């Protein structure tokens, strides 16, 4: 794969980018605070490969029920069907144990309107939404360490609205290219800060050197991805870390419209 980097900006005088293909690796020695301090390791962003594949895994929404809640909201209750994939089971592949992992096991990432996901360990979920509103829902199967299953059939994307009377109305199938944020999320502490999983989900777009791409900002570091795969952010500085993903067309221009750019902020602490 090819990663195209913008000129690097340094966190407190220190950033190193590590990747594959056309990437250039830069390493700088940190300034020590005193003679007893050791140099800090440089932050790197490294492709994650050889994760266990689940080519036959399937996910589908089988039922949606609505219930009026008060005068201005409705409760949606979803039921899912999962095939060839076991929820609440630990994923045991070459990357298990390398990053933050859910002790509850494999699950579904439930992403409403590109907001932070909810992890579902059973094939059911409820959410409350306002009347007369329009929404996108993406759900996909996830390994226990939160890496998405990207095989065909392992996700479902729907566009729908809740009308003024609280009724659920399915809208036309989504055909536009879209990008959804998954990881990292929330707060990381201790050993979980060593390898922070960066993962996203692409719909209706194929990433390639001559096709769609994703621009990723991690702090002050920017790189462009032309292959759909996850990454480990290693040795990130403690504190708040801002991230942004943006879908690009074949010419490198940022797409506009629903679900084409997402920003998040996470916290890392010792």
C-alpha atoms as a PDB file:
ATOM      1  CA  UNK A   1       0.000   0.000   0.000  1.00  0.00           C
ATOM      2  CA  UNK A   2       1.040   3.608  -0.365  1.00  0.00           C
ATOM      3  CA  UNK A   3       0.855   6.264   2.305  1.00  0.00           C
ATOM      4  CA  UNK A   4       1.408   9.881   1.306  1.00  0.00           C
ATOM      5  CA  UNK A   5       2.510  12.163   4.110  1.00  0.00           C
ATOM      6  CA  UNK A   6       2.343  15.917   4.349  1.00  0.00           C
ATOM      7  CA  UNK A   7       5.493  17.570   5.757  1.00  0.00           C
ATOM      8  CA  UNK A   8       5.642  16.381   9.387  1.00  0.00           C
ATOM      9  CA  UNK A   9       4.894  18.611  12.357  1.00  0.00           C
ATOM     10  CA  UNK A  10       6.603  17.661  15.601  1.00  0.00           C
ATOM     11  CA  UNK A  11       4.969  17.123  19.006  1.00  0.00           C
ATOM     12  CA  UNK A  12       7.284  18.900  21.463  1.00  0.00           C
ATOM     13  CA  UNK A  13      10.089  18.493  18.988  1.00  0.00           C
ATOM     14  CA  UNK A  14       9.405  14.798  18.417  1.00  0.00           C
ATOM     15  CA  UNK A  15       7.399  12.850  15.822  1.00  0.00           C
ATOM     16  CA  UNK A  16       8.368   9.869  13.747  1.00  0.00           C
ATOM     17  CA  UNK A  17       6.179   8.396  11.082  1.00  0.00           C
ATOM     18  CA  UNK A  18       6.534   4.703  10.334  1.00  0.00           C
ATOM     19  CA  UNK A  19       4.647   3.023   7.520  1.00  0.00           C
ATOM     20  CA  UNK A  20       4.947   0.928   4.337  1.00  0.00           C
ATOM     21  CA  UNK A  21       5.438   1.547   0.632  1.00  0.00           C
ATOM     22  CA  UNK A  22       6.386   5.098  -0.273  1.00  0.00           C
ATOM     23  CA  UNK A  23       6.511   6.294   3.348  1.00  0.00           C
ATOM     24  CA  UNK A  24       9.644   7.935   4.626  1.00  0.00           C
ATOM     25  CA  UNK A  25      10.551   7.094   8.180  1.00  0.00           C
ATOM     26  CA  UNK A  26      11.820   9.947  10.328  1.00  0.00           C
ATOM     27  CA  UNK A  27      13.278   9.442  13.767  1.00  0.00           C
ATOM     28  CA  UNK A  28      14.348  12.251  16.061  1.00  0.00           C
ATOM     29  CA  UNK A  29      15.961  11.978  19.454  1.00  0.00           C
ATOM     30  CA  UNK A  30      13.953  13.663  22.206  1.00  0.00           C
ATOM     31  CA  UNK A  31      15.494  16.358  24.329  1.00  0.00           C
ATOM     32  CA  UNK A  32      16.029  15.102  27.849  1.00  0.00           C
ATOM     33  CA  UNK A  33      14.859  17.232  30.741  1.00  0.00           C
ATOM     34  CA  UNK A  34      17.979  16.382  32.682  1.00  0.00           C
ATOM     35  CA  UNK A  35      20.881  13.970  32.527  1.00  0.00           C
ATOM     36  CA  UNK A  36      18.898  11.221  34.245  1.00  0.00           C
ATOM     37  CA  UNK A  37      15.936  11.301  31.836  1.00  0.00           C
ATOM     38  CA  UNK A  38      15.863   8.802  28.978  1.00  0.00           C
ATOM     39  CA  UNK A  39      14.777   9.808  25.493  1.00  0.00           C
ATOM     40  CA  UNK A  40      11.106   9.341  24.797  1.00  0.00           C
ATOM     41  CA  UNK A  41      10.089   6.952  22.042  1.00  0.00           C
ATOM     42  CA  UNK A  42       8.768   8.615  18.899  1.00  0.00           C
ATOM     43  CA  UNK A  43       5.102   8.288  17.981  1.00  0.00           C
ATOM     44  CA  UNK A  44       4.536   6.071  14.973  1.00  0.00           C
ATOM     45  CA  UNK A  45       1.531   5.006  12.934  1.00  0.00           C
ATOM     46  CA  UNK A  46       1.911   1.458  11.667  1.00  0.00           C
ATOM     47  CA  UNK A  47      -0.358  -0.685   9.479  1.00  0.00           C
ATOM     48  CA  UNK A  48      -1.953  -3.649  11.212  1.00  0.00           C
ATOM     49  CA  UNK A  49      -1.864  -6.800   9.089  1.00  0.00           C
ATOM     50  CA  UNK A  50      -2.623 -10.508   9.389  1.00  0.00           C
ATOM     51  CA  UNK A  51      -5.711 -10.205  11.568  1.00  0.00           C
ATOM     52  CA  UNK A  52      -7.970 -13.245  11.555  1.00  0.00           C
ATOM     53  CA  UNK A  53     -10.475 -13.047   8.710  1.00  0.00           C
ATOM     54  CA  UNK A  54     -14.142 -13.985   8.986  1.00  0.00           C
ATOM     55  CA  UNK A  55     -15.127 -14.264   5.299  1.00  0.00           C
ATOM     56  CA  UNK A  56     -18.486 -15.912   5.965  1.00  0.00           C
ATOM     57  CA  UNK A  57     -19.641 -13.723   8.854  1.00  0.00           C
ATOM     58  CA  UNK A  58     -23.069 -12.164   8.293  1.00  0.00           C
ATOM     59  CA  UNK A  59     -25.007  -9.415  10.040  1.00  0.00           C
ATOM     60  CA  UNK A  60     -28.572  -8.312   9.306  1.00  0.00           C
ATOM     61  CA  UNK A  61     -31.324  -6.277  10.962  1.00  0.00           C
ATOM     62  CA  UNK A  62     -34.335  -8.550  11.222  1.00  0.00           C
ATOM     63  CA  UNK A  63     -36.821  -6.328  13.037  1.00  0.00           C
ATOM     64  CA  UNK A  64     -37.363  -2.721  14.117  1.00  0.00           C
ATOM     65  CA  UNK A  65     -40.099  -1.840  16.591  1.00  0.00           C
ATOM     66  CA  UNK A  66     -41.163   1.678  17.555  1.00  0.00           C
ATOM     67  CA  UNK A  67     -42.733   2.971  20.744  1.00  0.00           C
ATOM     68  CA  UNK A  68     -43.747   6.560  21.404  1.00  0.00           C
ATOM     69  CA  UNK A  69     -41.878   8.108  24.337  1.00  0.00           C
ATOM     70  CA  UNK A  70     -43.474  11.262  25.668  1.00  0.00           C
ATOM     71  CA  UNK A  71     -44.671  13.919  23.226  1.00  0.00           C
ATOM     72  CA  UNK A  72     -41.547  14.339  21.111  1.00  0.00           C
ATOM     73  CA  UNK A  73     -39.563  11.088  20.950  1.00  0.00           C
ATOM     74  CA  UNK A  74     -39.750   7.476  19.882  1.00  0.00           C
ATOM     75  CA  UNK A  75     -37.957   4.374  21.144  1.00  0.00           C
ATOM     76  CA  UNK A  76     -36.579   2.107  18.418  1.00  0.00           C
ATOM     77  CA  UNK A  77     -35.874  -1.506  19.343  1.00  0.00           C
ATOM     78  CA  UNK A  78     -33.605  -3.413  16.944  1.00  0.00           C
ATOM     79  CA  UNK A  79     -33.168  -7.155  16.563  1.00  0.00           C
ATOM     80  CA  UNK A  80     -30.181  -8.541  14.646  1.00  0.00           C
ATOM     81  CA  UNK A  81     -29.322 -11.846  13.045  1.00  0.00           C
ATOM     82  CA  UNK A  82     -25.689 -12.974  13.255  1.00  0.00           C
ATOM     83  CA  UNK A  83     -24.346 -15.893  11.219  1.00  0.00           C
ATOM     84  CA  UNK A  84     -20.941 -17.586  11.222  1.00  0.00           C
ATOM     85  CA  UNK A  85     -19.726 -15.321  14.031  1.00  0.00           C
ATOM     86  CA  UNK A  86     -19.992 -15.743  17.774  1.00  0.00           C
ATOM     87  CA  UNK A  87     -20.820 -12.765  19.954  1.00  0.00           C
ATOM     88  CA  UNK A  88     -19.292 -12.595  23.466  1.00  0.00           C
ATOM     89  CA  UNK A  89     -16.360 -14.790  22.451  1.00  0.00           C
ATOM     90  CA  UNK A  90     -12.749 -13.676  22.786  1.00  0.00           C
ATOM     91  CA  UNK A  91     -10.960 -13.214  19.471  1.00  0.00           C
ATOM     92  CA  UNK A  92      -7.821 -15.322  19.546  1.00  0.00           C
ATOM     93  CA  UNK A  93      -5.609 -14.176  16.691  1.00  0.00           C
ATOM     94  CA  UNK A  94      -2.112 -12.787  16.375  1.00  0.00           C
ATOM     95  CA  UNK A  95      -3.145  -9.345  17.615  1.00  0.00           C
ATOM     96  CA  UNK A  96      -5.226 -10.294  20.634  1.00  0.00           C
ATOM     97  CA  UNK A  97      -3.566  -8.937  23.739  1.00  0.00           C
ATOM     98  CA  UNK A  98      -1.703  -6.208  21.844  1.00  0.00           C
ATOM     99  CA  UNK A  99      -4.208  -3.423  22.456  1.00  0.00           C
ATOM    100  CA  UNK A 100      -7.309  -2.534  24.469  1.00  0.00           C
ATOM    101  CA  UNK A 101      -9.637  -5.533  24.537  1.00  0.00           C
ATOM    102  CA  UNK A 102     -13.187  -6.072  25.742  1.00  0.00           C
ATOM    103  CA  UNK A 103     -13.384  -8.772  28.371  1.00  0.00           C
ATOM    104  CA  UNK A 104     -16.972  -9.314  27.201  1.00  0.00           C
ATOM    105  CA  UNK A 105     -15.727 -10.581  23.843  1.00  0.00           C
ATOM    106  CA  UNK A 106     -16.790 -10.097  20.236  1.00  0.00           C
ATOM    107  CA  UNK A 107     -19.637  -7.713  19.600  1.00  0.00           C
ATOM    108  CA  UNK A 108     -21.498  -5.416  17.199  1.00  0.00           C
ATOM    109  CA  UNK A 109     -20.511  -1.785  16.732  1.00  0.00           C
ATOM    110  CA  UNK A 110     -23.753   0.209  16.582  1.00  0.00           C
ATOM    111  CA  UNK A 111     -23.068   3.644  15.048  1.00  0.00           C
ATOM    112  CA  UNK A 112     -25.971   6.067  14.796  1.00  0.00           C
ATOM    113  CA  UNK A 113     -25.295   9.226  12.748  1.00  0.00           C
ATOM    114  CA  UNK A 114     -21.523   8.732  12.971  1.00  0.00           C
ATOM    115  CA  UNK A 115     -21.491   9.313  16.714  1.00  0.00           C
ATOM    116  CA  UNK A 116     -19.353   7.159  19.045  1.00  0.00           C
ATOM    117  CA  UNK A 117     -20.479   3.561  18.760  1.00  0.00           C
ATOM    118  CA  UNK A 118     -22.251   1.423  21.293  1.00  0.00           C
ATOM    119  CA  UNK A 119     -20.945  -2.118  21.746  1.00  0.00           C
ATOM    120  CA  UNK A 120     -23.651  -4.797  21.560  1.00  0.00           C
ATOM    121  CA  UNK A 121     -22.854  -8.210  23.028  1.00  0.00           C
ATOM    122  CA  UNK A 122     -26.344  -9.499  22.326  1.00  0.00           C
ATOM    123  CA  UNK A 123     -28.155  -9.180  18.982  1.00  0.00           C
ATOM    124  CA  UNK A 124     -30.571  -6.510  20.192  1.00  0.00           C
ATOM    125  CA  UNK A 125     -30.541  -2.826  21.088  1.00  0.00           C
ATOM    126  CA  UNK A 126     -32.815   0.141  21.760  1.00  0.00           C
ATOM    127  CA  UNK A 127     -32.292   3.838  21.103  1.00  0.00           C
ATOM    128  CA  UNK A 128     -34.441   6.933  21.578  1.00  0.00           C
ATOM    129  CA  UNK A 129     -34.743   9.465  18.746  1.00  0.00           C
ATOM    130  CA  UNK A 130     -36.763  12.654  18.249  1.00  0.00           C
ATOM    131  CA  UNK A 131     -39.865  12.849  16.091  1.00  0.00           C
ATOM    132  CA  UNK A 132     -39.549  14.236  12.578  1.00  0.00           C
ATOM    133  CA  UNK A 133     -35.836  13.359  12.259  1.00  0.00           C
ATOM    134  CA  UNK A 134     -33.615  11.640   9.666  1.00  0.00           C
ATOM    135  CA  UNK A 135     -30.768   9.227  10.451  1.00  0.00           C
ATOM    136  CA  UNK A 136     -28.041   6.909   9.178  1.00  0.00           C
ATOM    137  CA  UNK A 137     -27.303   3.701  11.054  1.00  0.00           C
ATOM    138  CA  UNK A 138     -24.191   1.596  10.428  1.00  0.00           C
ATOM    139  CA  UNK A 139     -23.677  -1.667  12.284  1.00  0.00           C
ATOM    140  CA  UNK A 140     -20.812  -4.107  11.801  1.00  0.00           C
ATOM    141  CA  UNK A 141     -19.288  -7.097  13.527  1.00  0.00           C
ATOM    142  CA  UNK A 142     -16.258  -6.425  15.709  1.00  0.00           C
ATOM    143  CA  UNK A 143     -13.485  -8.523  17.157  1.00  0.00           C
ATOM    144  CA  UNK A 144     -13.126  -8.453  20.941  1.00  0.00           C
ATOM    145  CA  UNK A 145     -10.282  -5.920  20.606  1.00  0.00           C
ATOM    146  CA  UNK A 146     -12.614  -3.665  18.581  1.00  0.00           C
ATOM    147  CA  UNK A 147     -11.217  -4.265  15.100  1.00  0.00           C
ATOM    148  CA  UNK A 148     -14.041  -4.272  12.544  1.00  0.00           C
ATOM    149  CA  UNK A 149     -14.791  -7.291  10.392  1.00  0.00           C
ATOM    150  CA  UNK A 150     -14.589  -5.939   6.835  1.00  0.00           C
ATOM    151  CA  UNK A 151     -15.776  -8.940   4.847  1.00  0.00           C
ATOM    152  CA  UNK A 152     -18.863  -8.565   2.616  1.00  0.00           C
ATOM    153  CA  UNK A 153     -22.020  -9.189   4.579  1.00  0.00           C
ATOM    154  CA  UNK A 154     -20.525  -8.316   7.977  1.00  0.00           C
ATOM    155  CA  UNK A 155     -22.144  -4.873   8.058  1.00  0.00           C
ATOM    156  CA  UNK A 156     -25.465  -3.186   7.428  1.00  0.00           C
ATOM    157  CA  UNK A 157     -26.061   0.495   6.555  1.00  0.00           C
ATOM    158  CA  UNK A 158     -29.572   1.978   6.570  1.00  0.00           C
ATOM    159  CA  UNK A 159     -31.023   5.431   5.991  1.00  0.00           C
ATOM    160  CA  UNK A 160     -34.357   6.119   7.671  1.00  0.00           C
ATOM    161  CA  UNK A 161     -36.561   8.770   9.208  1.00  0.00           C
ATOM    162  CA  UNK A 162     -38.916   9.063  12.129  1.00  0.00           C
ATOM    163  CA  UNK A 163     -41.987  10.989  10.966  1.00  0.00           C
ATOM    164  CA  UNK A 164     -43.969  13.501  12.985  1.00  0.00           C
ATOM    165  CA  UNK A 165     -46.225  10.728  14.251  1.00  0.00           C
ATOM    166  CA  UNK A 166     -43.337   8.556  15.460  1.00  0.00           C
ATOM    167  CA  UNK A 167     -43.488   6.038  12.629  1.00  0.00           C
ATOM    168  CA  UNK A 168     -40.307   4.459  11.222  1.00  0.00           C
ATOM    169  CA  UNK A 169     -39.833   4.986   7.493  1.00  0.00           C
ATOM    170  CA  UNK A 170     -37.023   3.280   5.572  1.00  0.00           C
ATOM    171  CA  UNK A 171     -35.510   5.577   2.942  1.00  0.00           C
ATOM    172  CA  UNK A 172     -33.738   4.648  -0.283  1.00  0.00           C
ATOM    173  CA  UNK A 173     -30.681   2.415   0.017  1.00  0.00           C
ATOM    174  CA  UNK A 174     -27.496   4.395   0.526  1.00  0.00           C
ATOM    175  CA  UNK A 175     -25.456   4.584  -2.681  1.00  0.00           C
ATOM    176  CA  UNK A 176     -23.199   7.558  -1.933  1.00  0.00           C
ATOM    177  CA  UNK A 177     -19.623   6.958  -0.711  1.00  0.00           C
ATOM    178  CA  UNK A 178     -19.487   7.268   3.064  1.00  0.00           C
ATOM    179  CA  UNK A 179     -16.916   7.022   5.831  1.00  0.00           C
ATOM    180  CA  UNK A 180     -17.628   6.062   9.448  1.00  0.00           C
ATOM    181  CA  UNK A 181     -15.354   6.429  12.473  1.00  0.00           C
ATOM    182  CA  UNK A 182     -14.875   3.503  14.854  1.00  0.00           C
ATOM    183  CA  UNK A 183     -11.637   3.554  16.900  1.00  0.00           C
ATOM    184  CA  UNK A 184      -9.940   4.930  18.919  1.00  0.00           C
ATOM    185  CA  UNK A 185     -12.592   5.900  21.432  1.00  0.00           C
ATOM    186  CA  UNK A 186     -12.685   7.385  24.920  1.00  0.00           C
ATOM    187  CA  UNK A 187      -9.879   7.047  27.435  1.00  0.00           C
ATOM    188  CA  UNK A 188      -6.785   4.821  27.436  1.00  0.00           C
ATOM    189  CA  UNK A 189      -4.531   4.159  30.416  1.00  0.00           C
ATOM    190  CA  UNK A 190      -1.381   2.202  31.204  1.00  0.00           C
ATOM    191  CA  UNK A 191      -0.409  -0.518  28.746  1.00  0.00           C
ATOM    192  CA  UNK A 192      -3.443   0.234  26.552  1.00  0.00           C
ATOM    193  CA  UNK A 193      -1.710   3.454  25.441  1.00  0.00           C
ATOM    194  CA  UNK A 194       1.156   1.513  23.841  1.00  0.00           C
ATOM    195  CA  UNK A 195      -0.864   0.348  20.821  1.00  0.00           C
ATOM    196  CA  UNK A 196      -3.972   2.425  20.132  1.00  0.00           C
ATOM    197  CA  UNK A 197      -6.146   0.929  17.403  1.00  0.00           C
ATOM    198  CA  UNK A 198      -7.120   3.274  14.560  1.00  0.00           C
ATOM    199  CA  UNK A 199      -9.981   1.826  12.522  1.00  0.00           C
ATOM    200  CA  UNK A 200     -12.773   3.143  10.307  1.00  0.00           C
ATOM    201  CA  UNK A 201     -15.457   1.795   7.996  1.00  0.00           C
ATOM    202  CA  UNK A 202     -15.874   2.636   4.304  1.00  0.00           C
ATOM    203  CA  UNK A 203     -19.194   2.191   2.493  1.00  0.00           C
ATOM    204  CA  UNK A 204     -19.869   2.423  -1.261  1.00  0.00           C
ATOM    205  CA  UNK A 205     -16.254   3.297  -2.003  1.00  0.00           C
ATOM    206  CA  UNK A 206     -13.199   1.260  -2.937  1.00  0.00           C
ATOM    207  CA  UNK A 207      -9.869   2.598  -1.740  1.00  0.00           C
ATOM    208  CA  UNK A 208      -7.031   2.409  -4.267  1.00  0.00           C
ATOM    209  CA  UNK A 209      -4.183   4.481  -5.675  1.00  0.00           C
ATOM    210  CA  UNK A 210      -6.406   5.590  -8.567  1.00  0.00           C
ATOM    211  CA  UNK A 211      -9.695   5.671  -6.639  1.00  0.00           C
ATOM    212  CA  UNK A 212     -11.030   6.877  -3.300  1.00  0.00           C
ATOM    213  CA  UNK A 213      -8.660   7.499  -0.403  1.00  0.00           C
ATOM    214  CA  UNK A 214      -8.915   8.446   3.257  1.00  0.00           C
ATOM    215  CA  UNK A 215      -6.958  11.308   4.774  1.00  0.00           C
ATOM    216  CA  UNK A 216      -6.142  10.716   8.433  1.00  0.00           C
ATOM    217  CA  UNK A 217      -5.060  13.336  10.961  1.00  0.00           C
ATOM    218  CA  UNK A 218      -3.573  12.091  14.230  1.00  0.00           C
ATOM    219  CA  UNK A 219      -2.614  15.126  16.262  1.00  0.00           C
ATOM    220  CA  UNK A 220      -0.352  17.145  13.950  1.00  0.00           C
ATOM    221  CA  UNK A 221       0.476  14.149  11.762  1.00  0.00           C
ATOM    222  CA  UNK A 222      -1.350  13.714   8.438  1.00  0.00           C
ATOM    223  CA  UNK A 223      -1.245  10.750   6.076  1.00  0.00           C
ATOM    224  CA  UNK A 224      -3.338   9.439   3.194  1.00  0.00           C
ATOM    225  CA  UNK A 225      -4.523   5.836   2.911  1.00  0.00           C
ATOM    226  CA  UNK A 226      -5.313   4.065  -0.348  1.00  0.00           C
ATOM    227  CA  UNK A 227      -5.947   0.660   1.219  1.00  0.00           C
ATOM    228  CA  UNK A 228      -8.696  -0.160   3.701  1.00  0.00           C
ATOM    229  CA  UNK A 229      -6.910  -1.498   6.765  1.00  0.00           C
ATOM    230  CA  UNK A 230      -6.442  -0.615  10.440  1.00  0.00           C
ATOM    231  CA  UNK A 231      -3.411   0.897  12.159  1.00  0.00           C
ATOM    232  CA  UNK A 232      -1.704   0.982  15.531  1.00  0.00           C
ATOM    233  CA  UNK A 233      -0.814   4.391  16.928  1.00  0.00           C
ATOM    234  CA  UNK A 234       2.286   3.703  19.004  1.00  0.00           C
ATOM    235  CA  UNK A 235       3.906   5.869  21.685  1.00  0.00           C
ATOM    236  CA  UNK A 236       1.357   8.662  21.392  1.00  0.00           C
ATOM    237  CA  UNK A 237       1.914  11.552  23.821  1.00  0.00           C
ATOM    238  CA  UNK A 238      -0.105  11.458  27.026  1.00  0.00           C
ATOM    239  CA  UNK A 239      -3.061  13.819  27.274  1.00  0.00           C
ATOM    240  CA  UNK A 240      -5.694  14.703  24.720  1.00  0.00           C
ATOM    241  CA  UNK A 241      -5.202  13.514  21.152  1.00  0.00           C
ATOM    242  CA  UNK A 242      -7.331  14.841  18.284  1.00  0.00           C
ATOM    243  CA  UNK A 243      -8.146  12.669  15.276  1.00  0.00           C
ATOM    244  CA  UNK A 244      -9.938  13.310  11.999  1.00  0.00           C
ATOM    245  CA  UNK A 245     -10.735  11.111   9.010  1.00  0.00           C
ATOM    246  CA  UNK A 246     -11.854  12.492   5.641  1.00  0.00           C
ATOM    247  CA  UNK A 247     -12.926  10.723   2.474  1.00  0.00           C
ATOM    248  CA  UNK A 248     -11.150  11.893  -0.708  1.00  0.00           C
ATOM    249  CA  UNK A 249     -11.997  11.365  -4.368  1.00  0.00           C
ATOM    250  CA  UNK A 250      -9.531   9.965  -6.905  1.00  0.00           C
ATOM    251  CA  UNK A 251      -7.999  13.406  -7.448  1.00  0.00           C
ATOM    252  CA  UNK A 252      -7.418  13.909  -3.724  1.00  0.00           C
ATOM    253  CA  UNK A 253     -10.269  16.369  -3.247  1.00  0.00           C
ATOM    254  CA  UNK A 254     -12.253  16.158  -0.023  1.00  0.00           C
ATOM    255  CA  UNK A 255     -15.800  14.880  -0.504  1.00  0.00           C
ATOM    256  CA  UNK A 256     -18.712  16.796   0.935  1.00  0.00           C
ATOM    257  CA  UNK A 257     -22.076  15.525   2.074  1.00  0.00           C
ATOM    258  CA  UNK A 258     -23.295  13.180   4.766  1.00  0.00           C
ATOM    259  CA  UNK A 259     -20.708  11.026   6.540  1.00  0.00           C
ATOM    260  CA  UNK A 260     -17.609  12.073   4.617  1.00  0.00           C
ATOM    261  CA  UNK A 261     -15.552  13.574   7.476  1.00  0.00           C
ATOM    262  CA  UNK A 262     -15.478  12.791  11.193  1.00  0.00           C
ATOM    263  CA  UNK A 263     -13.494  14.242  14.110  1.00  0.00           C
ATOM    264  CA  UNK A 264     -12.854  12.755  17.544  1.00  0.00           C
ATOM    265  CA  UNK A 265     -10.752  13.428  20.626  1.00  0.00           C
ATOM    266  CA  UNK A 266      -9.390  10.767  22.978  1.00  0.00           C
ATOM    267  CA  UNK A 267      -7.430  10.869  26.217  1.00  0.00           C
ATOM    268  CA  UNK A 268      -4.288   8.912  27.075  1.00  0.00           C
ATOM    269  CA  UNK A 269      -2.841   8.735  30.570  1.00  0.00           C
ATOM    270  CA  UNK A 270      -0.154   6.810  32.411  1.00  0.00           C
END
